[in-house]
Amino acid sequence: MPEEDNTVGTKTTFQELPDAPPRRKIRFTVTGKIGIFFVVFWILMVFIGPYLSPYNEADILDESLFIVPGGDEYPDTDYQPPSKVAYLGTDYLGRDTLSRILYGARTTIGISFAATLLAYLLGVL
């Protein structure tokens, strides 16, 4: 006969639902809900992120960083802090960080999906 847990008030979802399928257990835990929220959020950003992005991923916002053709002097490149123009600031080339994150989510989710599919297919074989 299995031993019972004698601690009071410390039952977890896994103890309350011992025969529930794993998917149901994940949905009832706080950690599972947070994880599902982030996965759904980034999958949504794959589809609507480029429309929410204030700039193209390669747009340079600071024209002072442009190099004059035939010029020998390169401008100083500094990261710009967050502002009304670039909500998360800019990178060393003056590109908007928020736009780059939103566009980069497409590549990241695509690679993740392909890797998961490949692992699934290799695991079935």
C-alpha atoms as a PDB file:
ATOM      1  CA  MET A   1       0.000   0.000   0.000  1.00  0.00           C
ATOM      2  CA  PRO A   2       1.515   3.388  -0.967  1.00  0.00           C
ATOM      3  CA  GLU A   3       2.440   5.759   1.815  1.00  0.00           C
ATOM      4  CA  GLU A   4       0.330   8.881   2.204  1.00  0.00           C
ATOM      5  CA  ASP A   5       1.744  12.369   2.413  1.00  0.00           C
ATOM      6  CA  ASN A   6       1.232  13.588   6.002  1.00  0.00           C
ATOM      7  CA  THR A   7       2.066  17.240   5.330  1.00  0.00           C
ATOM      8  CA  VAL A   8      -0.926  19.546   5.656  1.00  0.00           C
ATOM      9  CA  GLY A   9      -1.849  21.969   2.893  1.00  0.00           C
ATOM     10  CA  THR A  10       1.041  21.138   0.573  1.00  0.00           C
ATOM     11  CA  LYS A  11      -0.730  19.036  -2.024  1.00  0.00           C
ATOM     12  CA  THR A  12       0.430  19.786  -5.521  1.00  0.00           C
ATOM     13  CA  THR A  13      -1.536  19.395  -8.705  1.00  0.00           C
ATOM     14  CA  PHE A  14       0.330  16.175  -9.423  1.00  0.00           C
ATOM     15  CA  GLN A  15      -0.892  14.693  -6.123  1.00  0.00           C
ATOM     16  CA  GLU A  16      -4.440  15.946  -6.605  1.00  0.00           C
ATOM     17  CA  LEU A  17      -4.654  14.550 -10.140  1.00  0.00           C
ATOM     18  CA  PRO A  18      -2.535  11.375 -10.030  1.00  0.00           C
ATOM     19  CA  ASP A  19      -4.241   9.690 -12.985  1.00  0.00           C
ATOM     20  CA  ALA A  20      -4.683  12.785 -15.142  1.00  0.00           C
ATOM     21  CA  PRO A  21      -2.846  12.897 -18.465  1.00  0.00           C
ATOM     22  CA  PRO A  22       0.371  14.980 -18.436  1.00  0.00           C
ATOM     23  CA  ARG A  23      -1.155  17.671 -20.653  1.00  0.00           C
ATOM     24  CA  ARG A  24      -3.901  18.305 -18.109  1.00  0.00           C
ATOM     25  CA  LYS A  25      -1.381  18.472 -15.263  1.00  0.00           C
ATOM     26  CA  ILE A  26       0.631  21.132 -17.116  1.00  0.00           C
ATOM     27  CA  ARG A  27      -2.454  23.267 -17.697  1.00  0.00           C
ATOM     28  CA  PHE A  28      -3.271  23.349 -14.000  1.00  0.00           C
ATOM     29  CA  THR A  29       0.151  24.358 -12.693  1.00  0.00           C
ATOM     30  CA  VAL A  30       1.218  27.999 -12.543  1.00  0.00           C
ATOM     31  CA  THR A  31       4.508  27.187 -14.246  1.00  0.00           C
ATOM     32  CA  GLY A  32       2.661  25.381 -17.027  1.00  0.00           C
ATOM     33  CA  LYS A  33       0.328  28.326 -17.575  1.00  0.00           C
ATOM     34  CA  ILE A  34       3.252  30.754 -17.752  1.00  0.00           C
ATOM     35  CA  GLY A  35       5.073  28.498 -20.214  1.00  0.00           C
ATOM     36  CA  ILE A  36       2.017  28.097 -22.427  1.00  0.00           C
ATOM     37  CA  PHE A  37       1.491  31.883 -22.364  1.00  0.00           C
ATOM     38  CA  PHE A  38       5.038  32.567 -23.600  1.00  0.00           C
ATOM     39  CA  VAL A  39       4.885  29.913 -26.324  1.00  0.00           C
ATOM     40  CA  VAL A  40       1.544  31.220 -27.616  1.00  0.00           C
ATOM     41  CA  PHE A  41       2.786  34.826 -27.378  1.00  0.00           C
ATOM     42  CA  TRP A  42       5.861  34.189 -29.537  1.00  0.00           C
ATOM     43  CA  ILE A  43       3.930  32.099 -32.056  1.00  0.00           C
ATOM     44  CA  LEU A  44       1.501  35.031 -32.353  1.00  0.00           C
ATOM     45  CA  MET A  45       4.449  37.402 -32.841  1.00  0.00           C
ATOM     46  CA  VAL A  46       5.582  35.294 -35.799  1.00  0.00           C
ATOM     47  CA  PHE A  47       2.405  36.203 -37.642  1.00  0.00           C
ATOM     48  CA  ILE A  48       1.628  39.729 -36.407  1.00  0.00           C
ATOM     49  CA  GLY A  49       5.105  40.910 -35.376  1.00  0.00           C
ATOM     50  CA  PRO A  50       6.106  42.386 -38.739  1.00  0.00           C
ATOM     51  CA  TYR A  51       2.877  44.418 -38.776  1.00  0.00           C
ATOM     52  CA  LEU A  52       3.543  45.731 -35.250  1.00  0.00           C
ATOM     53  CA  SER A  53       7.173  46.499 -35.986  1.00  0.00           C
ATOM     54  CA  PRO A  54       7.778  50.249 -36.286  1.00  0.00           C
ATOM     55  CA  TYR A  55      10.634  49.812 -38.805  1.00  0.00           C
ATOM     56  CA  ASN A  56      12.058  47.237 -41.158  1.00  0.00           C
ATOM     57  CA  GLU A  57      14.604  44.948 -39.533  1.00  0.00           C
ATOM     58  CA  ALA A  58      17.526  46.462 -41.471  1.00  0.00           C
ATOM     59  CA  ASP A  59      16.565  50.162 -41.324  1.00  0.00           C
ATOM     60  CA  ILE A  60      19.266  52.380 -39.856  1.00  0.00           C
ATOM     61  CA  LEU A  61      17.630  55.093 -37.767  1.00  0.00           C
ATOM     62  CA  ASP A  62      20.599  57.402 -37.263  1.00  0.00           C
ATOM     63  CA  GLU A  63      21.715  59.001 -40.548  1.00  0.00           C
ATOM     64  CA  SER A  64      24.909  60.207 -38.911  1.00  0.00           C
ATOM     65  CA  LEU A  65      26.080  56.587 -39.041  1.00  0.00           C
ATOM     66  CA  PHE A  66      26.013  56.540 -42.848  1.00  0.00           C
ATOM     67  CA  ILE A  67      29.417  56.522 -44.492  1.00  0.00           C
ATOM     68  CA  VAL A  68      30.018  58.974 -47.325  1.00  0.00           C
ATOM     69  CA  PRO A  69      30.983  57.085 -50.497  1.00  0.00           C
ATOM     70  CA  GLY A  70      34.737  57.317 -50.946  1.00  0.00           C
ATOM     71  CA  GLY A  71      35.159  58.695 -47.431  1.00  0.00           C
ATOM     72  CA  ASP A  72      37.922  57.532 -45.151  1.00  0.00           C
ATOM     73  CA  GLU A  73      36.309  58.376 -41.833  1.00  0.00           C
ATOM     74  CA  TYR A  74      34.012  55.967 -40.102  1.00  0.00           C
ATOM     75  CA  PRO A  75      31.472  57.385 -37.662  1.00  0.00           C
ATOM     76  CA  ASP A  76      31.461  56.454 -34.002  1.00  0.00           C
ATOM     77  CA  THR A  77      28.804  53.838 -33.414  1.00  0.00           C
ATOM     78  CA  ASP A  78      27.201  53.829 -30.017  1.00  0.00           C
ATOM     79  CA  TYR A  79      24.163  52.064 -28.740  1.00  0.00           C
ATOM     80  CA  GLN A  80      21.281  54.499 -28.437  1.00  0.00           C
ATOM     81  CA  PRO A  81      19.192  54.267 -25.257  1.00  0.00           C
ATOM     82  CA  PRO A  82      15.450  53.595 -25.396  1.00  0.00           C
ATOM     83  CA  SER A  83      13.518  56.591 -26.694  1.00  0.00           C
ATOM     84  CA  LYS A  84      10.290  57.506 -28.495  1.00  0.00           C
ATOM     85  CA  VAL A  85      11.953  56.643 -31.800  1.00  0.00           C
ATOM     86  CA  ALA A  86      13.371  53.268 -30.740  1.00  0.00           C
ATOM     87  CA  TYR A  87      11.403  51.792 -27.836  1.00  0.00           C
ATOM     88  CA  LEU A  88      14.134  49.303 -26.859  1.00  0.00           C
ATOM     89  CA  GLY A  89      17.036  51.377 -28.134  1.00  0.00           C
ATOM     90  CA  THR A  90      19.335  50.595 -31.053  1.00  0.00           C
ATOM     91  CA  ASP A  91      22.216  48.270 -31.724  1.00  0.00           C
ATOM     92  CA  TYR A  92      25.753  49.315 -32.679  1.00  0.00           C
ATOM     93  CA  LEU A  93      24.679  50.044 -36.273  1.00  0.00           C
ATOM     94  CA  GLY A  94      21.701  52.202 -35.298  1.00  0.00           C
ATOM     95  CA  ARG A  95      19.022  49.584 -36.061  1.00  0.00           C
ATOM     96  CA  ASP A  96      15.873  49.379 -33.927  1.00  0.00           C
ATOM     97  CA  THR A  97      16.151  46.547 -31.397  1.00  0.00           C
ATOM     98  CA  LEU A  98      12.379  45.954 -31.097  1.00  0.00           C
ATOM     99  CA  SER A  99      12.004  45.523 -34.865  1.00  0.00           C
ATOM    100  CA  ARG A 100      14.922  43.113 -34.969  1.00  0.00           C
ATOM    101  CA  ILE A 101      13.437  41.020 -32.132  1.00  0.00           C
ATOM    102  CA  LEU A 102      10.032  40.842 -33.825  1.00  0.00           C
ATOM    103  CA  TYR A 103      11.535  39.851 -37.178  1.00  0.00           C
ATOM    104  CA  GLY A 104      13.972  37.441 -35.513  1.00  0.00           C
ATOM    105  CA  ALA A 105      11.096  35.603 -33.826  1.00  0.00           C
ATOM    106  CA  ARG A 106      10.037  34.265 -37.225  1.00  0.00           C
ATOM    107  CA  THR A 107      13.407  32.653 -37.815  1.00  0.00           C
ATOM    108  CA  THR A 108      13.683  31.312 -34.276  1.00  0.00           C
ATOM    109  CA  ILE A 109      10.208  29.745 -34.217  1.00  0.00           C
ATOM    110  CA  GLY A 110      10.764  28.288 -37.698  1.00  0.00           C
ATOM    111  CA  ILE A 111      14.029  26.644 -36.663  1.00  0.00           C
ATOM    112  CA  SER A 112      12.439  25.391 -33.424  1.00  0.00           C
ATOM    113  CA  PHE A 113       9.532  23.866 -35.325  1.00  0.00           C
ATOM    114  CA  ALA A 114      11.860  22.203 -37.847  1.00  0.00           C
ATOM    115  CA  ALA A 115      14.114  20.817 -35.085  1.00  0.00           C
ATOM    116  CA  THR A 116      11.107  19.468 -33.169  1.00  0.00           C
ATOM    117  CA  LEU A 117       9.699  17.856 -36.299  1.00  0.00           C
ATOM    118  CA  LEU A 118      13.070  16.298 -37.134  1.00  0.00           C
ATOM    119  CA  ALA A 119      13.487  14.970 -33.574  1.00  0.00           C
ATOM    120  CA  TYR A 120       9.971  13.534 -33.689  1.00  0.00           C
ATOM    121  CA  LEU A 121      10.580  11.795 -37.015  1.00  0.00           C
ATOM    122  CA  LEU A 122      13.932  10.392 -35.903  1.00  0.00           C
ATOM    123  CA  GLY A 123      12.410   9.255 -32.609  1.00  0.00           C
ATOM    124  CA  VAL A 124       9.629   7.376 -34.382  1.00  0.00           C
ATOM    125  CA  LEU A 125      12.105   5.526 -36.579  1.00  0.00           C
END
